[in-house]
């Protein structure tokens, strides 16, 4: 397997693990601090909406600045088709 792909998959696995852990521990912690169910759900809703907004912003910025960058293999294929 490609080293970059291994790093990508490891990063995604680590992110999933931490988000799962956060989804279990954070409500318990907030409940222990005497937050109501409504307050805990508002915290998680705000986090989810914030994550969606950031994902959209990163996607738009990537498209605006890096849409013409291609891997070397793809550039070679495109150059071969043009000739």
C-alpha atoms as a PDB file:
ATOM      1  CA  UNK A   1       0.000   0.000   0.000  1.00  0.00           C
ATOM      2  CA  UNK A   2       1.152   3.531  -0.734  1.00  0.00           C
ATOM      3  CA  UNK A   3       2.660   5.345   2.261  1.00  0.00           C
ATOM      4  CA  UNK A   4       0.491   8.433   1.738  1.00  0.00           C
ATOM      5  CA  UNK A   5      -2.625   6.284   1.624  1.00  0.00           C
ATOM      6  CA  UNK A   6      -1.602   4.553   4.858  1.00  0.00           C
ATOM      7  CA  UNK A   7      -1.148   7.928   6.560  1.00  0.00           C
ATOM      8  CA  UNK A   8      -4.489   9.138   5.261  1.00  0.00           C
ATOM      9  CA  UNK A   9      -6.295   6.047   6.510  1.00  0.00           C
ATOM     10  CA  UNK A  10      -4.538   6.228   9.880  1.00  0.00           C
ATOM     11  CA  UNK A  11      -5.528   9.869  10.233  1.00  0.00           C
ATOM     12  CA  UNK A  12      -9.139   9.113   9.383  1.00  0.00           C
ATOM     13  CA  UNK A  13      -9.200   6.229  11.853  1.00  0.00           C
ATOM     14  CA  UNK A  14      -7.757   8.429  14.589  1.00  0.00           C
ATOM     15  CA  UNK A  15     -10.296  11.166  13.835  1.00  0.00           C
ATOM     16  CA  UNK A  16     -13.174   8.678  13.964  1.00  0.00           C
ATOM     17  CA  UNK A  17     -11.901   7.260  17.240  1.00  0.00           C
ATOM     18  CA  UNK A  18     -11.616  10.675  18.871  1.00  0.00           C
ATOM     19  CA  UNK A  19     -15.041  11.796  17.628  1.00  0.00           C
ATOM     20  CA  UNK A  20     -16.595   8.600  18.954  1.00  0.00           C
ATOM     21  CA  UNK A  21     -14.873   9.087  22.289  1.00  0.00           C
ATOM     22  CA  UNK A  22     -16.029  12.704  22.394  1.00  0.00           C
ATOM     23  CA  UNK A  23     -19.580  11.651  21.613  1.00  0.00           C
ATOM     24  CA  UNK A  24     -19.637   9.429  24.688  1.00  0.00           C
ATOM     25  CA  UNK A  25     -17.535  11.317  27.212  1.00  0.00           C
ATOM     26  CA  UNK A  26     -18.636  14.910  26.571  1.00  0.00           C
ATOM     27  CA  UNK A  27     -22.342  14.389  27.398  1.00  0.00           C
ATOM     28  CA  UNK A  28     -21.403  12.516  30.543  1.00  0.00           C
ATOM     29  CA  UNK A  29     -19.055  15.306  31.576  1.00  0.00           C
ATOM     30  CA  UNK A  30     -21.606  18.032  30.826  1.00  0.00           C
ATOM     31  CA  UNK A  31     -24.304  16.119  32.717  1.00  0.00           C
ATOM     32  CA  UNK A  32     -21.956  15.850  35.674  1.00  0.00           C
ATOM     33  CA  UNK A  33     -21.592  19.646  35.533  1.00  0.00           C
ATOM     34  CA  UNK A  34     -25.420  19.827  35.837  1.00  0.00           C
ATOM     35  CA  UNK A  35     -26.112  20.924  32.264  1.00  0.00           C
ATOM     36  CA  UNK A  36     -29.638  20.137  31.117  1.00  0.00           C
ATOM     37  CA  UNK A  37     -30.383  17.816  28.221  1.00  0.00           C
ATOM     38  CA  UNK A  38     -31.342  20.831  26.114  1.00  0.00           C
ATOM     39  CA  UNK A  39     -28.041  22.587  26.857  1.00  0.00           C
ATOM     40  CA  UNK A  40     -26.013  19.467  26.013  1.00  0.00           C
ATOM     41  CA  UNK A  41     -27.906  19.018  22.747  1.00  0.00           C
ATOM     42  CA  UNK A  42     -27.371  22.687  21.872  1.00  0.00           C
ATOM     43  CA  UNK A  43     -23.624  22.270  22.401  1.00  0.00           C
ATOM     44  CA  UNK A  44     -23.548  19.265  20.061  1.00  0.00           C
ATOM     45  CA  UNK A  45     -25.785  20.971  17.497  1.00  0.00           C
ATOM     46  CA  UNK A  46     -23.519  24.025  17.463  1.00  0.00           C
ATOM     47  CA  UNK A  47     -20.503  21.763  17.022  1.00  0.00           C
ATOM     48  CA  UNK A  48     -22.117  19.892  14.134  1.00  0.00           C
ATOM     49  CA  UNK A  49     -23.184  23.091  12.370  1.00  0.00           C
ATOM     50  CA  UNK A  50     -19.730  24.584  12.891  1.00  0.00           C
ATOM     51  CA  UNK A  51     -18.141  21.464  11.408  1.00  0.00           C
ATOM     52  CA  UNK A  52     -20.402  21.660   8.363  1.00  0.00           C
ATOM     53  CA  UNK A  53     -19.606  25.336   7.812  1.00  0.00           C
ATOM     54  CA  UNK A  54     -15.866  24.713   8.105  1.00  0.00           C
ATOM     55  CA  UNK A  55     -16.038  21.746   5.739  1.00  0.00           C
ATOM     56  CA  UNK A  56     -17.890  23.837   3.178  1.00  0.00           C
ATOM     57  CA  UNK A  57     -15.417  26.717   3.564  1.00  0.00           C
ATOM     58  CA  UNK A  58     -12.409  24.440   3.102  1.00  0.00           C
ATOM     59  CA  UNK A  59     -14.005  22.857   0.028  1.00  0.00           C
ATOM     60  CA  UNK A  60     -14.719  26.238  -1.550  1.00  0.00           C
ATOM     61  CA  UNK A  61     -11.207  27.501  -0.804  1.00  0.00           C
ATOM     62  CA  UNK A  62      -9.641  24.314  -2.165  1.00  0.00           C
ATOM     63  CA  UNK A  63     -11.654  24.612  -5.364  1.00  0.00           C
ATOM     64  CA  UNK A  64     -10.735  28.289  -5.717  1.00  0.00           C
ATOM     65  CA  UNK A  65      -6.990  27.860  -5.245  1.00  0.00           C
ATOM     66  CA  UNK A  66      -6.005  24.256  -6.041  1.00  0.00           C
ATOM     67  CA  UNK A  67      -8.407  22.951  -8.687  1.00  0.00           C
ATOM     68  CA  UNK A  68      -5.710  23.026 -11.411  1.00  0.00           C
ATOM     69  CA  UNK A  69      -3.116  21.083  -9.433  1.00  0.00           C
ATOM     70  CA  UNK A  70      -2.905  17.505 -10.667  1.00  0.00           C
ATOM     71  CA  UNK A  71      -0.726  14.563  -9.669  1.00  0.00           C
ATOM     72  CA  UNK A  72       2.253  13.917 -11.991  1.00  0.00           C
ATOM     73  CA  UNK A  73       0.677  10.734 -13.389  1.00  0.00           C
ATOM     74  CA  UNK A  74      -2.468  12.581 -14.419  1.00  0.00           C
ATOM     75  CA  UNK A  75      -0.462  15.416 -15.992  1.00  0.00           C
ATOM     76  CA  UNK A  76       1.532  12.874 -18.020  1.00  0.00           C
ATOM     77  CA  UNK A  77      -1.684  11.187 -19.235  1.00  0.00           C
ATOM     78  CA  UNK A  78      -3.203  14.537 -20.167  1.00  0.00           C
ATOM     79  CA  UNK A  79      -0.030  15.548 -22.032  1.00  0.00           C
ATOM     80  CA  UNK A  80      -0.025  12.223 -23.887  1.00  0.00           C
ATOM     81  CA  UNK A  81      -3.634  12.693 -25.021  1.00  0.00           C
ATOM     82  CA  UNK A  82      -2.947  16.229 -26.230  1.00  0.00           C
ATOM     83  CA  UNK A  83      -0.252  15.076 -28.646  1.00  0.00           C
END
